[in-house]
PDB file of N, CA and C in Angstrom:
ATOM      1  N   MET A   1       0.805  -1.194   0.000  1.00  0.00           N
ATOM      2  CA  MET A   1       0.000   0.000   0.000  1.00  0.00           C
ATOM      3  C   MET A   1       0.851   1.263   0.000  1.00  0.00           C
ATOM      4  N   ALA A   2       1.925   1.249   0.720  1.00  0.00           N
ATOM      5  CA  ALA A   2       2.751   2.437   0.824  1.00  0.00           C
ATOM      6  C   ALA A   2       3.328   2.850  -0.522  1.00  0.00           C
ATOM      7  N   LYS A   3       3.745   1.877  -1.346  1.00  0.00           N
ATOM      8  CA  LYS A   3       4.315   2.199  -2.650  1.00  0.00           C
ATOM      9  C   LYS A   3       3.279   2.860  -3.548  1.00  0.00           C
ATOM     10  N   ARG A   4       2.081   2.340  -3.515  1.00  0.00           N
ATOM     11  CA  ARG A   4       1.023   2.900  -4.351  1.00  0.00           C
ATOM     12  C   ARG A   4       0.755   4.365  -3.985  1.00  0.00           C
ATOM     13  N   THR A   5       0.701   4.694  -2.728  1.00  0.00           N
ATOM     14  CA  THR A   5       0.502   6.065  -2.273  1.00  0.00           C
ATOM     15  C   THR A   5       1.666   6.943  -2.709  1.00  0.00           C
ATOM     16  N   GLU A   6       2.886   6.455  -2.589  1.00  0.00           N
ATOM     17  CA  GLU A   6       4.061   7.225  -2.989  1.00  0.00           C
ATOM     18  C   GLU A   6       4.018   7.545  -4.470  1.00  0.00           C
ATOM     19  N   ASN A   7       3.631   6.580  -5.315  1.00  0.00           N
ATOM     20  CA  ASN A   7       3.565   6.813  -6.746  1.00  0.00           C
ATOM     21  C   ASN A   7       2.534   7.890  -7.093  1.00  0.00           C
ATOM     22  N   VAL A   8       1.409   7.857  -6.423  1.00  0.00           N
ATOM     23  CA  VAL A   8       0.381   8.866  -6.658  1.00  0.00           C
ATOM     24  C   VAL A   8       0.893  10.227  -6.236  1.00  0.00           C
ATOM     25  N   MET A   9       1.583  10.302  -5.130  1.00  0.00           N
ATOM     26  CA  MET A   9       2.097  11.561  -4.614  1.00  0.00           C
ATOM     27  C   MET A   9       3.204  12.131  -5.495  1.00  0.00           C
ATOM     28  N   LYS A  10       3.955  11.286  -6.188  1.00  0.00           N
ATOM     29  CA  LYS A  10       5.079  11.750  -6.989  1.00  0.00           C
ATOM     30  C   LYS A  10       4.680  12.135  -8.414  1.00  0.00           C
ATOM     31  N   ARG A  11       3.436  11.888  -8.798  1.00  0.00           N
ATOM     32  CA  ARG A  11       2.999  12.221 -10.149  1.00  0.00           C
ATOM     33  C   ARG A  11       3.109  13.724 -10.381  1.00  0.00           C
ATOM     34  N   PRO A  12       3.624  14.127 -11.555  1.00  0.00           N
ATOM     35  CA  PRO A  12       3.707  15.568 -11.826  1.00  0.00           C
ATOM     36  C   PRO A  12       2.311  16.176 -11.962  1.00  0.00           C
ATOM     37  N   ILE A  13       2.160  17.395 -11.483  1.00  0.00           N
ATOM     38  CA  ILE A  13       0.878  18.091 -11.555  1.00  0.00           C
ATOM     39  C   ILE A  13       0.779  18.723 -12.943  1.00  0.00           C
ATOM     40  N   ASP A  14      -0.345  18.565 -13.567  1.00  0.00           N
ATOM     41  CA  ASP A  14      -0.597  19.116 -14.889  1.00  0.00           C
ATOM     42  C   ASP A  14      -0.401  20.643 -14.856  1.00  0.00           C
ATOM     43  N   ASN A  15       0.344  21.180 -15.822  1.00  0.00           N
ATOM     44  CA  ASN A  15       0.628  22.621 -15.859  1.00  0.00           C
ATOM     45  C   ASN A  15      -0.640  23.459 -15.970  1.00  0.00           C
ATOM     46  N   ASP A  16      -1.643  22.983 -16.714  1.00  0.00           N
ATOM     47  CA  ASP A  16      -2.897  23.728 -16.833  1.00  0.00           C
ATOM     48  C   ASP A  16      -3.587  23.856 -15.483  1.00  0.00           C
ATOM     49  N   ILE A  17      -3.531  22.806 -14.687  1.00  0.00           N
ATOM     50  CA  ILE A  17      -4.132  22.854 -13.353  1.00  0.00           C
ATOM     51  C   ILE A  17      -3.385  23.867 -12.491  1.00  0.00           C
ATOM     52  N   LYS A  18      -2.049  23.871 -12.573  1.00  0.00           N
ATOM     53  CA  LYS A  18      -1.257  24.836 -11.804  1.00  0.00           C
ATOM     54  C   LYS A  18      -1.644  26.257 -12.185  1.00  0.00           C
ATOM     55  N   LYS A  19      -1.710  26.538 -13.498  1.00  0.00           N
ATOM     56  CA  LYS A  19      -2.030  27.888 -13.964  1.00  0.00           C
ATOM     57  C   LYS A  19      -3.424  28.296 -13.536  1.00  0.00           C
ATOM     58  N   THR A  20      -4.371  27.411 -13.693  1.00  0.00           N
ATOM     59  CA  THR A  20      -5.749  27.708 -13.321  1.00  0.00           C
ATOM     60  C   THR A  20      -5.842  27.992 -11.830  1.00  0.00           C
ATOM     61  N   THR A  21      -5.191  27.190 -11.048  1.00  0.00           N
ATOM     62  CA  THR A  21      -5.215  27.381  -9.602  1.00  0.00           C
ATOM     63  C   THR A  21      -4.561  28.701  -9.218  1.00  0.00           C
ATOM     64  N   LEU A  22      -3.397  28.994  -9.782  1.00  0.00           N
ATOM     65  CA  LEU A  22      -2.701  30.242  -9.488  1.00  0.00           C
ATOM     66  C   LEU A  22      -3.538  31.432  -9.942  1.00  0.00           C
ATOM     67  N   ALA A  23      -4.100  31.350 -11.148  1.00  0.00           N
ATOM     68  CA  ALA A  23      -4.922  32.439 -11.665  1.00  0.00           C
ATOM     69  C   ALA A  23      -6.143  32.677 -10.782  1.00  0.00           C
ATOM     70  N   SER A  24      -6.792  31.613 -10.352  1.00  0.00           N
ATOM     71  CA  SER A  24      -7.989  31.780  -9.520  1.00  0.00           C
ATOM     72  C   SER A  24      -7.640  32.347  -8.147  1.00  0.00           C
ATOM     73  N   VAL A  25      -6.508  31.967  -7.609  1.00  0.00           N
ATOM     74  CA  VAL A  25      -6.078  32.514  -6.313  1.00  0.00           C
ATOM     75  C   VAL A  25      -5.794  34.012  -6.455  1.00  0.00           C
ATOM     76  N   ILE A  26      -5.085  34.383  -7.513  1.00  0.00           N
ATOM     77  CA  ILE A  26      -4.763  35.800  -7.740  1.00  0.00           C
ATOM     78  C   ILE A  26      -6.042  36.600  -7.945  1.00  0.00           C
ATOM     79  N   LYS A  27      -6.953  36.089  -8.776  1.00  0.00           N
ATOM     80  CA  LYS A  27      -8.214  36.787  -9.015  1.00  0.00           C
ATOM     81  C   LYS A  27      -9.007  36.958  -7.724  1.00  0.00           C
ATOM     82  N   ARG A  28      -9.028  35.916  -6.892  1.00  0.00           N
ATOM     83  CA  ARG A  28      -9.765  35.979  -5.630  1.00  0.00           C
ATOM     84  C   ARG A  28      -9.182  37.056  -4.717  1.00  0.00           C
ATOM     85  N   VAL A  29      -7.866  37.130  -4.636  1.00  0.00           N
ATOM     86  CA  VAL A  29      -7.211  38.131  -3.791  1.00  0.00           C
ATOM     87  C   VAL A  29      -7.517  39.539  -4.303  1.00  0.00           C
ATOM     88  N   ILE A  30      -7.417  39.715  -5.609  1.00  0.00           N
ATOM     89  CA  ILE A  30      -7.691  41.028  -6.200  1.00  0.00           C
ATOM     90  C   ILE A  30      -9.159  41.400  -6.032  1.00  0.00           C
ATOM     91  N   ARG A  31     -10.060  40.439  -6.197  1.00  0.00           N
ATOM     92  CA  ARG A  31     -11.493  40.690  -6.035  1.00  0.00           C
ATOM     93  C   ARG A  31     -11.799  41.125  -4.602  1.00  0.00           C
ATOM     94  N   ARG A  32     -11.132  40.509  -3.635  1.00  0.00           N
ATOM     95  CA  ARG A  32     -11.343  40.894  -2.225  1.00  0.00           C
ATOM     96  C   ARG A  32     -10.887  42.318  -1.955  1.00  0.00           C
ATOM     97  N   ALA A  33      -9.928  42.787  -2.771  1.00  0.00           N
ATOM     98  CA  ALA A  33      -9.449  44.165  -2.632  1.00  0.00           C
ATOM     99  C   ALA A  33     -10.375  45.152  -3.345  1.00  0.00           C
ATOM    100  N   GLY A  34     -11.416  44.612  -4.005  1.00  0.00           N
ATOM    101  CA  GLY A  34     -12.395  45.476  -4.643  1.00  0.00           C
ATOM    102  C   GLY A  34     -12.169  45.700  -6.130  1.00  0.00           C
ATOM    103  N   PHE A  35     -11.329  44.895  -6.763  1.00  0.00           N
ATOM    104  CA  PHE A  35     -11.039  45.041  -8.183  1.00  0.00           C
ATOM    105  C   PHE A  35     -11.382  43.756  -8.926  1.00  0.00           C
ATOM    106  N   GLU A  36     -11.433  43.877 -10.241  1.00  0.00           N
ATOM    107  CA  GLU A  36     -11.658  42.701 -11.062  1.00  0.00           C
ATOM    108  C   GLU A  36     -10.672  42.748 -12.223  1.00  0.00           C
ATOM    109  N   VAL A  37     -10.068  41.630 -12.537  1.00  0.00           N
ATOM    110  CA  VAL A  37      -9.059  41.557 -13.587  1.00  0.00           C
ATOM    111  C   VAL A  37      -9.565  40.647 -14.694  1.00  0.00           C
ATOM    112  N   HIS A  38      -9.384  41.109 -15.926  1.00  0.00           N
ATOM    113  CA  HIS A  38      -9.784  40.316 -17.084  1.00  0.00           C
ATOM    114  C   HIS A  38      -8.623  40.245 -18.051  1.00  0.00           C
ATOM    115  N   ARG A  39      -8.548  39.167 -18.801  1.00  0.00           N
ATOM    116  CA  ARG A  39      -7.533  39.016 -19.828  1.00  0.00           C
ATOM    117  C   ARG A  39      -7.806  40.054 -20.907  1.00  0.00           C
ATOM    118  N   TYR A  40      -6.743  40.732 -21.375  1.00  0.00           N
ATOM    119  CA  TYR A  40      -6.879  41.731 -22.429  1.00  0.00           C
ATOM    120  C   TYR A  40      -6.817  41.035 -23.784  1.00  0.00           C
ATOM    121  N   ILE A  41      -7.938  41.047 -24.474  1.00  0.00           N
ATOM    122  CA  ILE A  41      -8.022  40.485 -25.820  1.00  0.00           C
ATOM    123  C   ILE A  41      -8.502  41.634 -26.712  1.00  0.00           C
ATOM    124  N   PRO A  42      -7.609  42.175 -27.555  1.00  0.00           N
ATOM    125  CA  PRO A  42      -7.973  43.360 -28.346  1.00  0.00           C
ATOM    126  C   PRO A  42      -9.308  43.255 -29.075  1.00  0.00           C
ATOM    127  N   GLY A  43      -9.633  42.107 -29.628  1.00  0.00           N
ATOM    128  CA  GLY A  43     -10.896  41.956 -30.338  1.00  0.00           C
ATOM    129  C   GLY A  43     -12.120  42.052 -29.450  1.00  0.00           C
ATOM    130  N   ARG A  44     -11.947  41.827 -28.171  1.00  0.00           N
ATOM    131  CA  ARG A  44     -13.074  41.872 -27.227  1.00  0.00           C
ATOM    132  C   ARG A  44     -13.043  43.107 -26.335  1.00  0.00           C
ATOM    133  N   SER A  45     -11.979  43.863 -26.399  1.00  0.00           N
ATOM    134  CA  SER A  45     -11.834  45.039 -25.548  1.00  0.00           C
ATOM    135  C   SER A  45     -12.588  46.226 -26.147  1.00  0.00           C
ATOM    136  N   GLU A  46     -13.500  46.789 -25.371  1.00  0.00           N
ATOM    137  CA  GLU A  46     -14.251  47.958 -25.823  1.00  0.00           C
ATOM    138  C   GLU A  46     -13.322  49.108 -26.166  1.00  0.00           C
ATOM    139  N   THR A  47     -12.327  49.343 -25.320  1.00  0.00           N
ATOM    140  CA  THR A  47     -11.394  50.434 -25.535  1.00  0.00           C
ATOM    141  C   THR A  47     -10.579  50.216 -26.805  1.00  0.00           C
ATOM    142  N   ALA A  48     -10.076  49.008 -27.002  1.00  0.00           N
ATOM    143  CA  ALA A  48      -9.289  48.720 -28.197  1.00  0.00           C
ATOM    144  C   ALA A  48     -10.143  48.880 -29.449  1.00  0.00           C
ATOM    145  N   ARG A  49     -11.377  48.432 -29.406  1.00  0.00           N
ATOM    146  CA  ARG A  49     -12.272  48.592 -30.563  1.00  0.00           C
ATOM    147  C   ARG A  49     -12.542  50.066 -30.837  1.00  0.00           C
ATOM    148  N   PHE A  50     -12.707  50.851 -29.772  1.00  0.00           N
ATOM    149  CA  PHE A  50     -12.966  52.277 -29.929  1.00  0.00           C
ATOM    150  C   PHE A  50     -11.776  52.973 -30.576  1.00  0.00           C
ATOM    151  N   VAL A  51     -10.572  52.686 -30.082  1.00  0.00           N
ATOM    152  CA  VAL A  51      -9.367  53.308 -30.646  1.00  0.00           C
ATOM    153  C   VAL A  51      -9.146  52.836 -32.085  1.00  0.00           C
ATOM    154  N   THR A  52      -9.440  51.585 -32.380  1.00  0.00           N
ATOM    155  CA  THR A  52      -9.346  51.077 -33.752  1.00  0.00           C
ATOM    156  C   THR A  52     -10.328  51.819 -34.654  1.00  0.00           C
ATOM    157  N   MET A  53     -11.523  52.067 -34.156  1.00  0.00           N
ATOM    158  CA  MET A  53     -12.522  52.821 -34.914  1.00  0.00           C
ATOM    159  C   MET A  53     -12.029  54.241 -35.183  1.00  0.00           C
ATOM    160  N   LEU A  54     -11.425  54.868 -34.177  1.00  0.00           N
ATOM    161  CA  LEU A  54     -10.875  56.210 -34.374  1.00  0.00           C
ATOM    162  C   LEU A  54      -9.801  56.201 -35.459  1.00  0.00           C
ATOM    163  N   ALA A  55      -8.933  55.205 -35.433  1.00  0.00           N
ATOM    164  CA  ALA A  55      -7.868  55.099 -36.444  1.00  0.00           C
ATOM    165  C   ALA A  55      -8.452  54.824 -37.829  1.00  0.00           C
ATOM    166  N   THR A  56      -9.448  53.955 -37.899  1.00  0.00           N
ATOM    167  CA  THR A  56     -10.079  53.612 -39.181  1.00  0.00           C
ATOM    168  C   THR A  56     -10.683  54.847 -39.843  1.00  0.00           C
ATOM    169  N   HIS A  57     -11.267  55.711 -39.034  1.00  0.00           N
ATOM    170  CA  HIS A  57     -11.901  56.927 -39.555  1.00  0.00           C
ATOM    171  C   HIS A  57     -10.944  58.123 -39.542  1.00  0.00           C
ATOM    172  N   ARG A  58      -9.681  57.852 -39.284  1.00  0.00           N
ATOM    173  CA  ARG A  58      -8.612  58.878 -39.289  1.00  0.00           C
ATOM    174  C   ARG A  58      -8.903  60.047 -38.350  1.00  0.00           C
ATOM    175  N   VAL A  59      -9.455  59.726 -37.194  1.00  0.00           N
ATOM    176  CA  VAL A  59      -9.730  60.750 -36.181  1.00  0.00           C
ATOM    177  C   VAL A  59      -8.412  61.081 -35.488  1.00  0.00           C
ATOM    178  N   ASP A  60      -8.042  62.360 -35.530  1.00  0.00           N
ATOM    179  CA  ASP A  60      -6.800  62.760 -34.873  1.00  0.00           C
ATOM    180  C   ASP A  60      -7.039  63.837 -33.817  1.00  0.00           C
ATOM    181  N   LEU A  61      -8.315  64.110 -33.529  1.00  0.00           N
ATOM    182  CA  LEU A  61      -8.675  65.089 -32.513  1.00  0.00           C
ATOM    183  C   LEU A  61      -9.922  64.603 -31.787  1.00  0.00           C
ATOM    184  N   VAL A  62      -9.844  64.555 -30.459  1.00  0.00           N
ATOM    185  CA  VAL A  62     -10.997  64.175 -29.634  1.00  0.00           C
ATOM    186  C   VAL A  62     -11.305  65.343 -28.706  1.00  0.00           C
ATOM    187  N   LEU A  63     -12.569  65.758 -28.690  1.00  0.00           N
ATOM    188  CA  LEU A  63     -13.032  66.793 -27.763  1.00  0.00           C
ATOM    189  C   LEU A  63     -13.685  66.087 -26.586  1.00  0.00           C
ATOM    190  N   ASP A  64     -13.122  66.293 -25.417  1.00  0.00           N
ATOM    191  CA  ASP A  64     -13.637  65.674 -24.194  1.00  0.00           C
ATOM    192  C   ASP A  64     -14.375  66.752 -23.401  1.00  0.00           C
ATOM    193  N   VAL A  65     -15.675  66.841 -23.613  1.00  0.00           N
ATOM    194  CA  VAL A  65     -16.490  67.878 -22.978  1.00  0.00           C
ATOM    195  C   VAL A  65     -17.012  67.335 -21.659  1.00  0.00           C
ATOM    196  N   GLY A  66     -16.776  68.092 -20.589  1.00  0.00           N
ATOM    197  CA  GLY A  66     -17.121  67.616 -19.248  1.00  0.00           C
ATOM    198  C   GLY A  66     -16.085  66.604 -18.798  1.00  0.00           C
ATOM    199  N   ALA A  67     -14.833  66.949 -18.996  1.00  0.00           N
ATOM    200  CA  ALA A  67     -13.714  66.021 -18.829  1.00  0.00           C
ATOM    201  C   ALA A  67     -13.446  65.586 -17.398  1.00  0.00           C
ATOM    202  N   ASN A  68     -14.042  66.284 -16.434  1.00  0.00           N
ATOM    203  CA  ASN A  68     -13.759  65.991 -15.032  1.00  0.00           C
ATOM    204  C   ASN A  68     -12.257  66.093 -14.810  1.00  0.00           C
ATOM    205  N   VAL A  69     -11.598  65.041 -14.334  1.00  0.00           N
ATOM    206  CA  VAL A  69     -10.150  65.105 -14.093  1.00  0.00           C
ATOM    207  C   VAL A  69      -9.352  64.374 -15.181  1.00  0.00           C
ATOM    208  N   GLY A  70     -10.005  64.074 -16.311  1.00  0.00           N
ATOM    209  CA  GLY A  70      -9.276  63.538 -17.447  1.00  0.00           C
ATOM    210  C   GLY A  70      -9.237  62.037 -17.586  1.00  0.00           C
ATOM    211  N   TRP A  71     -10.211  61.336 -16.999  1.00  0.00           N
ATOM    212  CA  TRP A  71     -10.195  59.868 -17.067  1.00  0.00           C
ATOM    213  C   TRP A  71     -10.297  59.357 -18.502  1.00  0.00           C
ATOM    214  N   PHE A  72     -11.159  59.977 -19.310  1.00  0.00           N
ATOM    215  CA  PHE A  72     -11.344  59.515 -20.680  1.00  0.00           C
ATOM    216  C   PHE A  72     -10.068  59.728 -21.494  1.00  0.00           C
ATOM    217  N   GLY A  73      -9.436  60.870 -21.319  1.00  0.00           N
ATOM    218  CA  GLY A  73      -8.173  61.133 -22.021  1.00  0.00           C
ATOM    219  C   GLY A  73      -7.090  60.154 -21.605  1.00  0.00           C
ATOM    220  N   LYS A  74      -7.042  59.852 -20.328  1.00  0.00           N
ATOM    221  CA  LYS A  74      -6.065  58.876 -19.834  1.00  0.00           C
ATOM    222  C   LYS A  74      -6.325  57.502 -20.443  1.00  0.00           C
ATOM    223  N   LEU A  75      -7.595  57.111 -20.515  1.00  0.00           N
ATOM    224  CA  LEU A  75      -7.971  55.833 -21.117  1.00  0.00           C
ATOM    225  C   LEU A  75      -7.538  55.779 -22.584  1.00  0.00           C
ATOM    226  N   LEU A  76      -7.759  56.880 -23.318  1.00  0.00           N
ATOM    227  CA  LEU A  76      -7.334  56.933 -24.718  1.00  0.00           C
ATOM    228  C   LEU A  76      -5.825  56.783 -24.852  1.00  0.00           C
ATOM    229  N   ARG A  77      -5.079  57.461 -24.009  1.00  0.00           N
ATOM    230  CA  ARG A  77      -3.609  57.382 -24.073  1.00  0.00           C
ATOM    231  C   ARG A  77      -3.121  55.973 -23.735  1.00  0.00           C
ATOM    232  N   GLU A  78      -3.728  55.358 -22.740  1.00  0.00           N
ATOM    233  CA  GLU A  78      -3.338  53.991 -22.375  1.00  0.00           C
ATOM    234  C   GLU A  78      -3.635  53.000 -23.493  1.00  0.00           C
ATOM    235  N   ALA A  79      -4.626  53.339 -24.345  1.00  0.00           N
ATOM    236  CA  ALA A  79      -4.972  52.484 -25.482  1.00  0.00           C
ATOM    237  C   ALA A  79      -4.215  52.906 -26.739  1.00  0.00           C
ATOM    238  N   ASP A  80      -3.195  53.739 -26.576  1.00  0.00           N
ATOM    239  CA  ASP A  80      -2.296  54.168 -27.662  1.00  0.00           C
ATOM    240  C   ASP A  80      -2.919  55.130 -28.662  1.00  0.00           C
ATOM    241  N   PHE A  81      -3.903  55.913 -28.266  1.00  0.00           N
ATOM    242  CA  PHE A  81      -4.407  56.957 -29.150  1.00  0.00           C
ATOM    243  C   PHE A  81      -3.346  58.050 -29.219  1.00  0.00           C
ATOM    244  N   ALA A  82      -2.883  58.368 -30.433  1.00  0.00           N
ATOM    245  CA  ALA A  82      -1.781  59.317 -30.603  1.00  0.00           C
ATOM    246  C   ALA A  82      -2.250  60.708 -30.998  1.00  0.00           C
ATOM    247  N   GLY A  83      -3.548  60.867 -31.236  1.00  0.00           N
ATOM    248  CA  GLY A  83      -4.071  62.160 -31.659  1.00  0.00           C
ATOM    249  C   GLY A  83      -4.127  63.163 -30.522  1.00  0.00           C
ATOM    250  N   LYS A  84      -4.652  64.332 -30.857  1.00  0.00           N
ATOM    251  CA  LYS A  84      -4.765  65.410 -29.879  1.00  0.00           C
ATOM    252  C   LYS A  84      -6.073  65.259 -29.103  1.00  0.00           C
ATOM    253  N   ILE A  85      -6.020  65.536 -27.802  1.00  0.00           N
ATOM    254  CA  ILE A  85      -7.203  65.496 -26.946  1.00  0.00           C
ATOM    255  C   ILE A  85      -7.384  66.895 -26.355  1.00  0.00           C
ATOM    256  N   VAL A  86      -8.536  67.500 -26.630  1.00  0.00           N
ATOM    257  CA  VAL A  86      -8.851  68.811 -26.058  1.00  0.00           C
ATOM    258  C   VAL A  86      -9.953  68.583 -25.037  1.00  0.00           C
ATOM    259  N   SER A  87      -9.650  68.915 -23.778  1.00  0.00           N
ATOM    260  CA  SER A  87     -10.580  68.651 -22.683  1.00  0.00           C
ATOM    261  C   SER A  87     -11.178  69.945 -22.156  1.00  0.00           C
ATOM    262  N   PHE A  88     -12.475  69.915 -21.910  1.00  0.00           N
ATOM    263  CA  PHE A  88     -13.198  71.052 -21.332  1.00  0.00           C
ATOM    264  C   PHE A  88     -13.815  70.610 -20.015  1.00  0.00           C
ATOM    265  N   GLU A  89     -13.610  71.406 -18.973  1.00  0.00           N
ATOM    266  CA  GLU A  89     -14.202  71.098 -17.666  1.00  0.00           C
ATOM    267  C   GLU A  89     -14.625  72.399 -16.999  1.00  0.00           C
ATOM    268  N   PRO A  90     -15.944  72.603 -16.759  1.00  0.00           N
ATOM    269  CA  PRO A  90     -16.413  73.847 -16.164  1.00  0.00           C
ATOM    270  C   PRO A  90     -16.183  73.960 -14.652  1.00  0.00           C
ATOM    271  N   LEU A  91     -16.071  72.846 -13.940  1.00  0.00           N
ATOM    272  CA  LEU A  91     -15.915  72.917 -12.479  1.00  0.00           C
ATOM    273  C   LEU A  91     -14.457  73.211 -12.125  1.00  0.00           C
ATOM    274  N   ALA A  92     -14.260  74.246 -11.333  1.00  0.00           N
ATOM    275  CA  ALA A  92     -12.912  74.742 -11.040  1.00  0.00           C
ATOM    276  C   ALA A  92     -11.995  73.698 -10.396  1.00  0.00           C
ATOM    277  N   ALA A  93     -12.483  72.970  -9.410  1.00  0.00           N
ATOM    278  CA  ALA A  93     -11.630  71.999  -8.701  1.00  0.00           C
ATOM    279  C   ALA A  93     -11.156  70.892  -9.646  1.00  0.00           C
ATOM    280  N   ALA A  94     -12.080  70.356 -10.427  1.00  0.00           N
ATOM    281  CA  ALA A  94     -11.713  69.299 -11.373  1.00  0.00           C
ATOM    282  C   ALA A  94     -10.807  69.855 -12.464  1.00  0.00           C
ATOM    283  N   ARG A  95     -11.066  71.099 -12.917  1.00  0.00           N
ATOM    284  CA  ARG A  95     -10.242  71.721 -13.954  1.00  0.00           C
ATOM    285  C   ARG A  95      -8.803  71.893 -13.484  1.00  0.00           C
ATOM    286  N   GLU A  96      -8.608  72.248 -12.216  1.00  0.00           N
ATOM    287  CA  GLU A  96      -7.245  72.399 -11.669  1.00  0.00           C
ATOM    288  C   GLU A  96      -6.479  71.077 -11.743  1.00  0.00           C
ATOM    289  N   VAL A  97      -7.140  69.997 -11.354  1.00  0.00           N
ATOM    290  CA  VAL A  97      -6.514  68.662 -11.430  1.00  0.00           C
ATOM    291  C   VAL A  97      -6.208  68.325 -12.883  1.00  0.00           C
ATOM    292  N   LEU A  98      -7.152  68.595 -13.773  1.00  0.00           N
ATOM    293  CA  LEU A  98      -6.978  68.336 -15.203  1.00  0.00           C
ATOM    294  C   LEU A  98      -5.785  69.115 -15.754  1.00  0.00           C
ATOM    295  N   LEU A  99      -5.649  70.358 -15.357  1.00  0.00           N
ATOM    296  CA  LEU A  99      -4.517  71.171 -15.816  1.00  0.00           C
ATOM    297  C   LEU A  99      -3.182  70.617 -15.326  1.00  0.00           C
ATOM    298  N   GLU A 100      -3.146  70.167 -14.088  1.00  0.00           N
ATOM    299  CA  GLU A 100      -1.917  69.579 -13.547  1.00  0.00           C
ATOM    300  C   GLU A 100      -1.529  68.309 -14.311  1.00  0.00           C
ATOM    301  N   ILE A 101      -2.497  67.463 -14.599  1.00  0.00           N
ATOM    302  CA  ILE A 101      -2.245  66.219 -15.296  1.00  0.00           C
ATOM    303  C   ILE A 101      -1.764  66.460 -16.724  1.00  0.00           C
ATOM    304  N   SER A 102      -2.327  67.490 -17.370  1.00  0.00           N
ATOM    305  CA  SER A 102      -2.023  67.732 -18.782  1.00  0.00           C
ATOM    306  C   SER A 102      -0.641  68.345 -19.008  1.00  0.00           C
ATOM    307  N   GLU A 103       0.001  68.820 -17.985  1.00  0.00           N
ATOM    308  CA  GLU A 103       1.312  69.465 -18.162  1.00  0.00           C
ATOM    309  C   GLU A 103       2.438  68.478 -18.226  1.00  0.00           C
TER     310      GLU A 103
END
């Protein structure tokens, strides 16, 4: 009996099982911190599709009206939008933050 148990214990663990287990543990920890992580697949990413659409239509200027502190502009830059972004924000406090970020 002891040999049989040892052989089972020495079997290599399937790499897919290791990855799945590690991925699920990481996702669980991140979810507990209040975030959610998804695999980035350009064809399924809303942001990537949006930036691709901008490139397809040769958009090189985006007007961000009601820009708040610039989240949309930041999202565009992170998605590699290379055009110009002009942001408008009427609220003074948010505009100050926006000005600091844009410099």
